[in-house]
Amino acid sequence: MHAPVSFNQKIHLPDEIKLHAISSAALYGRGVFTTVAIYNQKPFLWEKHWRRLNENAAKIGINLPEFSETEVKNAVSEIIIQNKVENGRARITFFDESASRIWSFETNRKTSLLITSADFRAAKDLHLTVSPYPINSKSPLAGVKCCNYLENVLALENAKAHGFAEAVRLNERGEAASACMANLFWIKDGKTFTPALKTGCLAGTTREFLLETYSIEEKTITLEELNEADEIFLTSAGIGIAKVAQFNEKILKSNKTLDIKRKVLI
């Protein structure tokens, strides 16, 4: 992570940031975030990120009216300039600092905004496995990019502990939903597919952009069917479009994946 950071639209060093320890954010992870790709010092797909932030905040009861889109975008631009980010990523996090009904305290602040920046995550020649931790497609948090992200982190750490870079997560019905930290795509017989949102996967902004740009079909798929894929790739703002070199023991080609990656103008 780069320093400094932006907290409530003011520049700080990371160790100067303070959240209420008895807030809903600290106790329950009540907050939403998005990671925006930065290309040529500009946020990529900004409108999609801002729309999703507001939709996700509404789903889990976070109040955002005190933050306008213009103010937040200006704060992102400021941290890009401060940290000299030519190409990289910025994370925008809204924390619910209101008191919970279980552990209450008096506070005047309802929501805090943190903006951080960093380089892109490394994602070269990914080796992929299957996570033992399923996604609950019926969860109220399914499809919400919230700060309660520990399941994703534990799934990723489990994959890395077994020598893999990432893992496919299945839902409770055994359908492939996503990777731990990215959306999932696969190519079979020249056609490109991605899991439907009803599997419990996140409505990623890069995913949405590719669906709008290319002929890609949303589909439910079993692990057995995914094993038959000709190519697999992952997408997120933090890694862009990353080809999977190996899925368990299967070596994958990457002809069309690389073709899609080359054609995406960023």
Protein backbone atom coordinates (compact mmCIF):
# COMPACT_ATOMS: atom_id res chain seq x y z
CA MET A 1 0.00 0.00 0.00
CA HIS A 2 1.16 3.52 -0.76
CA ALA A 3 1.31 6.31 1.80
CA PRO A 4 -0.25 8.75 2.48
CA VAL A 5 -3.97 7.88 2.44
CA SER A 6 -7.19 9.89 2.38
CA PHE A 7 -9.53 9.65 5.37
CA ASN A 8 -12.76 11.64 5.36
CA GLN A 9 -11.31 13.73 2.52
CA LYS A 10 -8.15 14.73 4.38
CA ILE A 11 -4.62 13.43 3.76
CA HIS A 12 -3.10 11.33 6.56
CA LEU A 13 -0.35 8.82 7.19
CA PRO A 14 -1.80 5.32 7.71
CA ASP A 15 -1.02 5.14 11.44
CA GLU A 16 -2.98 8.35 12.03
CA ILE A 17 -6.29 6.77 10.98
CA LYS A 18 -8.71 5.88 13.78
CA LEU A 19 -12.08 4.11 13.72
CA HIS A 20 -14.41 3.76 16.69
CA ALA A 21 -13.63 0.38 18.27
CA ILE A 22 -17.30 -0.16 19.18
CA SER A 23 -18.72 0.86 15.82
CA SER A 24 -20.62 -1.45 13.49
CA ALA A 25 -17.61 -1.40 11.17
CA ALA A 26 -15.19 -2.61 13.84
CA LEU A 27 -17.51 -5.12 15.51
CA TYR A 28 -19.25 -6.64 12.49
CA GLY A 29 -17.40 -5.54 9.37
CA ARG A 30 -20.33 -3.36 8.31
CA GLY A 31 -18.87 -1.42 5.42
CA VAL A 32 -18.57 -1.54 1.66
CA PHE A 33 -15.61 -1.09 -0.63
CA THR A 34 -14.52 -1.19 -4.22
CA THR A 35 -11.13 -1.39 -5.88
CA VAL A 36 -10.74 0.88 -8.90
CA ALA A 37 -8.08 0.30 -11.54
CA ILE A 38 -5.97 3.38 -12.30
CA TYR A 39 -4.63 3.81 -15.84
CA ASN A 40 -2.73 6.93 -16.89
CA GLN A 41 -3.64 8.53 -13.53
CA LYS A 42 -7.38 8.13 -14.18
CA PRO A 43 -9.90 5.80 -12.46
CA PHE A 44 -11.21 3.15 -14.88
CA LEU A 45 -14.96 2.39 -15.06
CA TRP A 46 -15.68 4.99 -12.38
CA GLU A 47 -19.43 5.18 -12.99
CA LYS A 48 -19.81 1.41 -12.52
CA HIS A 49 -17.85 1.48 -9.26
CA TRP A 50 -19.82 4.40 -7.86
CA ARG A 51 -23.15 2.82 -8.76
CA ARG A 52 -22.19 -0.48 -7.13
CA LEU A 53 -20.93 1.24 -3.98
CA ASN A 54 -24.28 2.93 -3.51
CA GLU A 55 -26.28 -0.22 -4.31
CA ASN A 56 -24.23 -2.33 -1.91
CA ALA A 57 -24.39 0.32 0.83
CA ALA A 58 -28.19 0.40 0.55
CA LYS A 59 -28.36 -3.41 0.82
CA ILE A 60 -26.58 -3.48 4.18
CA GLY A 61 -28.00 -0.25 5.59
CA ILE A 62 -25.12 2.21 5.30
CA ASN A 63 -25.87 5.90 5.00
CA LEU A 64 -23.93 7.64 2.17
CA PRO A 65 -25.78 10.92 1.42
CA GLU A 66 -23.09 12.99 3.16
CA PHE A 67 -20.62 11.95 0.45
CA SER A 68 -21.26 13.22 -3.08
CA GLU A 69 -19.88 11.46 -6.13
CA THR A 70 -17.91 14.57 -7.10
CA GLU A 71 -16.29 14.87 -3.66
CA VAL A 72 -15.29 11.20 -3.57
CA LYS A 73 -13.92 11.23 -7.11
CA ASN A 74 -11.92 14.37 -6.30
CA ALA A 75 -10.52 12.64 -3.20
CA VAL A 76 -9.48 9.67 -5.36
CA SER A 77 -7.78 12.01 -7.82
CA GLU A 78 -5.97 13.73 -4.95
CA ILE A 79 -4.53 10.49 -3.60
CA ILE A 80 -3.49 9.46 -7.12
CA ILE A 81 -1.53 12.71 -7.41
CA GLN A 82 -0.14 12.51 -3.85
CA ASN A 83 1.17 8.97 -4.40
CA LYS A 84 2.19 9.49 -8.03
CA VAL A 85 0.10 6.56 -9.24
CA GLU A 86 0.48 6.29 -13.00
CA ASN A 87 -0.97 2.78 -13.23
CA GLY A 88 -2.22 0.88 -10.21
CA ARG A 89 -5.32 0.59 -8.04
CA ALA A 90 -7.24 2.59 -5.46
CA ARG A 91 -9.51 1.15 -2.81
CA ILE A 92 -12.52 3.19 -1.69
CA THR A 93 -13.99 2.02 1.63
CA PHE A 94 -17.04 3.31 3.46
CA PHE A 95 -17.12 2.29 7.14
CA ASP A 96 -20.32 2.35 9.17
CA GLU A 97 -19.25 4.15 12.33
CA SER A 98 -22.70 4.34 13.84
CA ALA A 99 -23.47 2.53 17.08
CA SER A 100 -24.86 -0.97 16.86
CA ARG A 101 -28.09 -1.90 18.64
CA ILE A 102 -26.25 -4.61 20.57
CA TRP A 103 -23.25 -2.54 21.77
CA SER A 104 -24.34 1.08 21.75
CA PHE A 105 -22.41 4.28 22.36
CA GLU A 106 -22.95 7.92 21.55
CA THR A 107 -21.40 9.20 18.34
CA ASN A 108 -22.12 11.97 15.86
CA ARG A 109 -20.40 10.25 12.94
CA LYS A 110 -22.35 7.78 10.82
CA THR A 111 -19.96 6.93 7.99
CA SER A 112 -16.23 7.33 7.34
CA LEU A 113 -14.44 7.23 4.00
CA LEU A 114 -10.98 5.76 3.49
CA ILE A 115 -9.13 5.88 0.15
CA THR A 116 -5.86 4.02 -0.31
CA SER A 117 -3.71 3.25 -3.34
CA ALA A 118 -1.30 0.48 -4.32
CA ASP A 119 0.34 -1.19 -7.29
CA PHE A 120 -1.55 -3.84 -9.26
CA ARG A 121 -1.55 -7.33 -7.75
CA ALA A 122 0.76 -9.84 -9.44
CA ALA A 123 -1.23 -12.29 -11.58
CA LYS A 124 1.02 -14.12 -14.02
CA ASP A 125 0.64 -17.77 -15.06
CA LEU A 126 -1.92 -18.50 -12.36
CA HIS A 127 -2.22 -22.02 -10.97
CA LEU A 128 -5.81 -22.59 -9.86
CA THR A 129 -7.37 -25.18 -7.56
CA VAL A 130 -10.83 -25.71 -6.03
CA SER A 131 -11.54 -24.15 -2.65
CA PRO A 132 -13.02 -26.33 0.12
CA TYR A 133 -15.01 -23.28 1.29
CA PRO A 134 -18.36 -22.87 -0.53
CA ILE A 135 -20.21 -19.66 -1.34
CA ASN A 136 -23.74 -19.38 0.07
CA SER A 137 -25.76 -17.98 -2.80
CA LYS A 138 -28.70 -17.38 -0.43
CA SER A 139 -26.68 -15.28 2.01
CA PRO A 140 -27.84 -11.65 2.43
CA LEU A 141 -24.22 -10.73 1.65
CA ALA A 142 -24.07 -12.73 -1.59
CA GLY A 143 -22.95 -10.39 -4.36
CA VAL A 144 -22.18 -7.57 -1.90
CA LYS A 145 -18.61 -6.29 -1.78
CA CYS A 146 -18.59 -5.59 1.93
CA CYS A 147 -15.84 -5.27 4.52
CA ASN A 148 -16.84 -8.61 6.00
CA TYR A 149 -14.45 -10.29 3.55
CA LEU A 150 -12.82 -12.86 5.82
CA GLU A 151 -14.29 -15.89 4.01
CA ASN A 152 -12.64 -14.73 0.77
CA VAL A 153 -9.33 -14.09 2.55
CA LEU A 154 -9.35 -17.51 4.25
CA ALA A 155 -10.16 -19.22 0.96
CA LEU A 156 -7.26 -17.43 -0.73
CA GLU A 157 -4.87 -18.23 2.12
CA ASN A 158 -5.89 -21.89 1.96
CA ALA A 159 -5.14 -22.00 -1.77
CA LYS A 160 -1.73 -20.39 -1.29
CA ALA A 161 -0.91 -22.77 1.58
CA HIS A 162 -1.40 -25.64 -0.87
CA GLY A 163 0.84 -24.06 -3.52
CA PHE A 164 -1.80 -22.39 -5.70
CA ALA A 165 -2.24 -18.72 -6.57
CA GLU A 166 -6.06 -18.74 -6.48
CA ALA A 167 -9.03 -21.10 -6.19
CA VAL A 168 -12.45 -21.63 -7.73
CA ARG A 169 -15.23 -21.38 -5.15
CA LEU A 170 -18.38 -23.43 -5.66
CA ASN A 171 -21.76 -22.57 -4.18
CA GLU A 172 -23.97 -24.81 -2.04
CA ARG A 173 -25.36 -26.46 -5.20
CA GLY A 174 -21.90 -27.34 -6.50
CA GLU A 175 -21.94 -24.65 -9.21
CA ALA A 176 -18.76 -22.71 -10.00
CA ALA A 177 -19.29 -19.14 -8.80
CA SER A 178 -16.01 -17.23 -8.75
CA ALA A 179 -12.42 -17.22 -7.60
CA CYS A 180 -11.55 -16.03 -4.08
CA MET A 181 -10.70 -12.48 -5.17
CA ALA A 182 -11.83 -12.34 -8.79
CA ASN A 183 -14.56 -13.15 -11.27
CA LEU A 184 -14.30 -16.36 -13.27
CA PHE A 185 -14.49 -16.80 -17.06
CA TRP A 186 -13.93 -19.86 -19.22
CA ILE A 187 -13.72 -20.59 -22.93
CA LYS A 188 -15.04 -23.75 -24.56
CA ASP A 189 -15.12 -24.42 -28.31
CA GLY A 190 -14.44 -20.76 -29.07
CA LYS A 191 -17.28 -19.43 -26.89
CA THR A 192 -16.74 -17.42 -23.70
CA PHE A 193 -18.77 -17.89 -20.52
CA THR A 194 -18.99 -16.54 -16.97
CA PRO A 195 -21.09 -17.69 -13.98
CA ALA A 196 -24.55 -16.13 -13.69
CA LEU A 197 -25.09 -13.77 -10.74
CA LYS A 198 -27.57 -16.24 -9.21
CA THR A 199 -24.59 -18.48 -8.37
CA GLY A 200 -23.64 -15.96 -5.69
CA CYS A 201 -20.74 -14.40 -7.56
CA LEU A 202 -19.91 -10.71 -7.27
CA ALA A 203 -21.16 -8.37 -10.00
CA GLY A 204 -17.61 -7.25 -10.81
CA THR A 205 -17.10 -4.03 -12.74
CA THR A 206 -14.54 -5.62 -15.09
CA ARG A 207 -16.97 -8.52 -15.52
CA GLU A 208 -19.76 -6.08 -16.44
CA PHE A 209 -17.47 -4.25 -18.87
CA LEU A 210 -16.56 -7.49 -20.68
CA LEU A 211 -20.21 -8.56 -20.87
CA GLU A 212 -21.02 -5.23 -22.52
CA THR A 213 -18.03 -5.40 -24.88
CA TYR A 214 -17.91 -9.04 -26.00
CA SER A 215 -20.27 -11.87 -26.81
CA ILE A 216 -20.17 -13.65 -23.44
CA GLU A 217 -22.85 -15.95 -22.05
CA GLU A 218 -23.80 -16.07 -18.37
CA LYS A 219 -24.20 -19.69 -17.36
CA THR A 220 -24.32 -22.06 -14.42
CA ILE A 221 -21.66 -24.75 -14.62
CA THR A 222 -20.58 -27.74 -12.56
CA LEU A 223 -17.00 -28.46 -11.60
CA GLU A 224 -16.99 -31.38 -14.04
CA GLU A 225 -17.94 -29.03 -16.87
CA LEU A 226 -15.34 -26.46 -15.84
CA ASN A 227 -12.71 -29.20 -16.01
CA GLU A 228 -13.52 -29.48 -19.72
CA ALA A 229 -12.79 -25.78 -20.42
CA ASP A 230 -10.22 -24.97 -23.10
CA GLU A 231 -9.17 -21.75 -21.35
CA ILE A 232 -9.88 -20.08 -18.01
CA PHE A 233 -9.21 -16.50 -16.98
CA LEU A 234 -9.90 -14.31 -13.96
CA THR A 235 -10.83 -10.64 -13.87
CA SER A 236 -10.83 -7.87 -11.29
CA ALA A 237 -9.78 -4.25 -11.05
CA GLY A 238 -6.69 -5.35 -9.12
CA ILE A 239 -5.40 -7.86 -11.69
CA GLY A 240 -7.14 -6.84 -14.92
CA ILE A 241 -7.57 -9.89 -17.17
CA ALA A 242 -5.35 -12.73 -15.98
CA LYS A 243 -5.01 -16.03 -17.79
CA VAL A 244 -4.98 -19.27 -15.81
CA ALA A 245 -2.02 -21.41 -16.81
CA GLN A 246 -3.08 -24.52 -14.90
CA PHE A 247 -6.30 -25.76 -13.28
CA ASN A 248 -5.38 -28.47 -10.80
CA GLU A 249 -3.36 -30.85 -13.01
CA LYS A 250 -4.64 -29.57 -16.35
CA ILE A 251 -2.38 -27.27 -18.40
CA LEU A 252 -4.46 -24.64 -20.22
CA LYS A 253 -3.81 -22.77 -23.43
CA SER A 254 -4.50 -19.05 -23.66
CA ASN A 255 -5.08 -18.08 -27.29
CA LYS A 256 -8.45 -16.37 -26.96
CA THR A 257 -7.78 -15.09 -23.44
CA LEU A 258 -4.76 -13.17 -24.67
CA ASP A 259 -6.71 -11.95 -27.69
CA ILE A 260 -9.43 -10.51 -25.41
CA LYS A 261 -6.77 -8.95 -23.19
CA ARG A 262 -5.06 -7.27 -26.15
CA LYS A 263 -8.31 -5.80 -27.46
CA VAL A 264 -9.41 -4.22 -24.17
CA LEU A 265 -8.54 -0.53 -24.44
CA ILE A 266 -7.53 0.77 -21.06
